Protein backbone atom coordinates (compact mmCIF):
# COMPACT_ATOMS: atom_id res chain seq x y z
CA MET A 1 12.68 11.81 -8.25
CA PRO A 2 14.24 8.35 -8.56
CA SER A 3 16.57 8.33 -11.53
CA SER A 4 17.21 4.67 -12.23
CA ASN A 5 15.92 3.18 -15.45
CA SER A 6 15.24 -0.09 -13.62
CA PRO A 7 11.57 -0.61 -12.81
CA ARG A 8 10.56 -0.15 -9.19
CA VAL A 9 7.30 -0.75 -7.36
CA VAL A 10 6.05 0.81 -4.15
CA ILE A 11 3.20 -0.67 -2.15
CA VAL A 12 1.48 2.05 -0.13
CA MET A 13 0.10 0.20 2.90
CA GLY A 14 -1.88 0.80 6.05
CA VAL A 15 -5.33 0.42 7.51
CA SER A 16 -8.44 1.72 5.78
CA GLY A 17 -8.72 5.50 6.09
CA CYS A 18 -4.99 6.23 6.46
CA GLY A 19 -4.84 7.88 3.03
CA LYS A 20 -3.40 5.13 0.85
CA SER A 21 -5.27 6.09 -2.32
CA THR A 22 -4.64 9.81 -2.00
CA ILE A 23 -0.95 9.46 -1.17
CA ALA A 24 -0.32 6.74 -3.77
CA ALA A 25 -1.98 8.79 -6.54
CA MET A 26 0.09 11.84 -5.61
CA LEU A 27 3.26 9.77 -5.41
CA SER A 28 2.69 8.14 -8.79
CA GLY A 29 2.08 11.56 -10.35
CA ARG A 30 5.17 13.00 -8.73
CA LEU A 31 7.33 10.08 -9.91
CA ARG A 32 5.53 9.64 -13.24
CA TRP A 33 5.00 5.99 -12.38
CA GLU A 34 1.88 3.94 -13.03
CA PHE A 35 -0.81 3.75 -10.35
CA GLU A 36 -3.17 0.97 -9.35
CA GLU A 37 -5.83 1.04 -6.67
CA GLY A 38 -5.37 -2.32 -4.94
CA ASP A 39 -8.98 -2.33 -3.72
CA ALA A 40 -10.07 -2.57 -7.38
CA LEU A 41 -8.44 -6.02 -7.47
CA HIS A 42 -10.67 -7.46 -4.72
CA PRO A 43 -12.99 -10.23 -5.87
CA PRO A 44 -16.66 -9.14 -5.78
CA ALA A 45 -17.34 -11.49 -2.84
CA ASN A 46 -14.77 -9.61 -0.73
CA VAL A 47 -16.28 -6.24 -1.57
CA ALA A 48 -19.74 -7.50 -0.67
CA LYS A 49 -18.50 -8.96 2.61
CA MET A 50 -16.78 -5.72 3.66
CA ALA A 51 -19.74 -3.61 2.55
CA ALA A 52 -21.89 -5.75 4.85
CA GLY A 53 -19.57 -4.85 7.74
CA GLN A 54 -17.87 -8.24 7.92
CA PRO A 55 -14.07 -8.32 8.19
CA LEU A 56 -12.14 -10.44 5.70
CA ASP A 57 -10.26 -13.47 6.93
CA ASP A 58 -7.00 -14.84 5.56
CA LYS A 59 -8.80 -17.19 3.16
CA ASP A 60 -10.76 -14.23 1.73
CA ARG A 61 -7.57 -12.26 1.24
CA GLU A 62 -5.64 -14.98 -0.62
CA PRO A 63 -7.05 -14.34 -4.13
CA TRP A 64 -6.78 -10.59 -3.59
CA LEU A 65 -3.13 -10.75 -2.52
CA GLU A 66 -2.40 -13.02 -5.47
CA ALA A 67 -4.04 -10.48 -7.81
CA VAL A 68 -2.00 -7.62 -6.31
CA ALA A 69 1.22 -9.66 -6.62
CA ALA A 70 0.33 -10.56 -10.23
CA HIS A 71 -0.16 -6.87 -11.01
CA ILE A 72 3.24 -6.06 -9.50
CA ASP A 73 4.84 -8.84 -11.54
CA TYR A 74 3.14 -7.59 -14.70
CA TRP A 75 4.70 -4.15 -14.22
CA ARG A 76 8.08 -5.68 -13.48
CA ALA A 77 7.96 -8.02 -16.49
CA HIS A 78 7.14 -5.08 -18.75
CA GLY A 79 9.83 -2.76 -17.34
CA ARG A 80 7.33 -0.42 -15.71
CA SER A 81 7.55 1.31 -12.36
CA GLY A 82 4.39 1.66 -10.32
CA VAL A 83 2.67 2.59 -7.10
CA ILE A 84 -0.05 0.27 -5.81
CA THR A 85 -2.23 0.44 -2.72
CA CYS A 86 -2.79 -2.54 -0.47
CA SER A 87 -3.55 -2.68 3.24
CA ALA A 88 -0.88 -5.44 3.58
CA LEU A 89 -1.71 -5.64 7.29
CA LYS A 90 0.24 -8.78 8.15
CA ARG A 91 3.84 -9.79 7.53
CA ARG A 92 2.75 -12.93 5.70
CA TYR A 93 0.70 -10.78 3.30
CA ARG A 94 3.72 -8.59 2.61
CA ASP A 95 5.80 -11.72 2.07
CA VAL A 96 3.39 -12.70 -0.74
CA LEU A 97 3.61 -9.22 -2.26
CA ILE A 98 7.34 -8.65 -1.88
CA GLY A 99 8.98 -12.03 -1.35
CA ASP A 100 12.40 -11.88 -2.99
CA ARG A 101 11.47 -8.96 -5.24
CA LYS A 102 14.34 -6.57 -4.48
CA ASP A 103 12.71 -3.90 -6.63
CA VAL A 104 9.57 -3.66 -4.44
CA ARG A 105 9.31 -1.48 -1.32
CA ILE A 106 6.55 -0.68 1.12
CA ALA A 107 5.54 2.75 2.30
CA TYR A 108 3.65 2.36 5.58
CA LEU A 109 1.18 5.13 6.42
CA LYS A 110 0.99 5.20 10.20
CA GLY A 111 -1.49 7.11 12.29
CA SER A 112 -3.44 7.12 15.52
CA ARG A 113 -6.78 5.34 15.80
CA GLU A 114 -8.46 8.66 16.57
CA LEU A 115 -7.15 10.41 13.45
CA ILE A 116 -8.03 7.48 11.19
CA ALA A 117 -11.49 7.06 12.74
CA ASN A 118 -12.20 10.76 12.12
CA ARG A 119 -11.15 10.41 8.49
CA LEU A 120 -13.32 7.32 8.03
CA ALA A 121 -16.32 9.08 9.56
CA ALA A 122 -15.94 11.89 7.01
CA ARG A 123 -15.45 9.57 4.02
CA GLN A 124 -18.38 8.84 1.75
CA GLY A 125 -18.99 6.35 -1.02
CA HIS A 126 -16.43 3.72 -0.01
CA PHE A 127 -17.37 0.07 0.52
CA MET A 128 -15.23 -0.24 3.66
CA PRO A 129 -17.30 0.91 6.67
CA ALA A 130 -15.68 2.72 9.59
CA ALA A 131 -16.90 -0.09 11.86
CA LEU A 132 -14.15 -2.35 10.50
CA LEU A 133 -11.30 -0.08 11.66
CA ASP A 134 -10.86 -1.90 14.96
CA SER A 135 -10.59 -5.28 13.21
CA GLN A 136 -7.94 -3.84 10.89
CA LEU A 137 -5.97 -2.34 13.77
CA ALA A 138 -6.17 -5.67 15.61
CA ALA A 139 -4.81 -7.50 12.55
CA LEU A 140 -2.08 -4.94 11.82
CA GLU A 141 1.48 -6.16 12.20
CA GLU A 142 3.58 -3.06 11.66
CA PRO A 143 6.47 -3.57 9.25
CA THR A 144 9.76 -4.38 10.92
CA GLU A 145 13.18 -2.98 10.12
CA ASP A 146 14.19 -6.05 8.12
CA GLU A 147 11.36 -5.25 5.66
CA HIS A 148 13.00 -1.87 4.93
CA PRO A 149 9.74 0.07 5.11
CA ILE A 150 9.36 3.75 4.48
CA THR A 151 7.27 4.62 7.54
CA VAL A 152 5.47 7.96 7.41
CA GLU A 153 3.15 9.53 9.98
CA ILE A 154 -0.13 10.60 8.35
CA GLY A 155 -0.60 13.86 10.26
CA PRO A 156 1.02 16.15 7.66
CA ARG A 157 -0.65 17.22 4.42
CA PRO A 158 -0.77 14.53 1.70
CA GLU A 159 1.63 16.49 -0.52
CA ALA A 160 4.25 16.48 2.24
CA ILE A 161 3.80 12.75 2.82
CA ALA A 162 4.20 11.97 -0.90
CA ALA A 163 7.30 14.17 -1.02
CA ARG A 164 8.81 12.38 1.98
CA ILE A 165 8.24 8.97 0.38
CA ALA A 166 9.76 10.21 -2.90
CA GLU A 167 12.85 11.42 -1.00
CA GLU A 168 13.24 8.02 0.64
CA LEU A 169 12.89 6.34 -2.75
CA GLU A 170 15.66 8.58 -4.11
CA ARG A 171 17.97 7.30 -1.36
CA TRP A 172 16.90 3.73 -2.16
CA GLU A 173 17.69 4.24 -5.83
CA GLY A 174 21.18 5.39 -4.93
CA THR A 175 21.89 2.28 -2.87
CA ALA A 176 19.78 -0.42 -4.51
CA PRO A 177 21.67 -3.50 -5.65
CA PRO A 178 21.52 -4.42 -9.33
CA LEU A 179 18.35 -6.28 -10.24
CA ASP A 180 18.48 -9.91 -11.25
């Protein structure tokens, strides 16, 4: 478990159906950090659009990304560590969320289209229909090395994935520069 008293934030990212909510909740419990479901920060118009099977465009995502970034900044300003979910599909979205925040990392949940499609088909009660998976995969710009992502394949059990992310965070804590 990360030992620093400095607040840290992890954005658990990936396409719909990769397990963001499950993994992030487990990770926050394991670390005893706060948790926020990024989808809960979508404006109602975005939820309605996705529920109708229409993919969001960049203009739709702007207020949502700003709300996620504001939540991250709230935690940071109050000395709290947290885990938040956000698809963060494009580099420019991650730039809004992370920017020059040295205390924010991304954990990218990576999986095959087939595995994710199967999970989406089995999921019930979520506003994001499985039909939008292809649009998300088309928009996805995988994080690059300079973003220092924690990239985890989603095949293993959720507990193992959360443990792997926590281990990577422990290494980060040991090498992280002092915060401004």
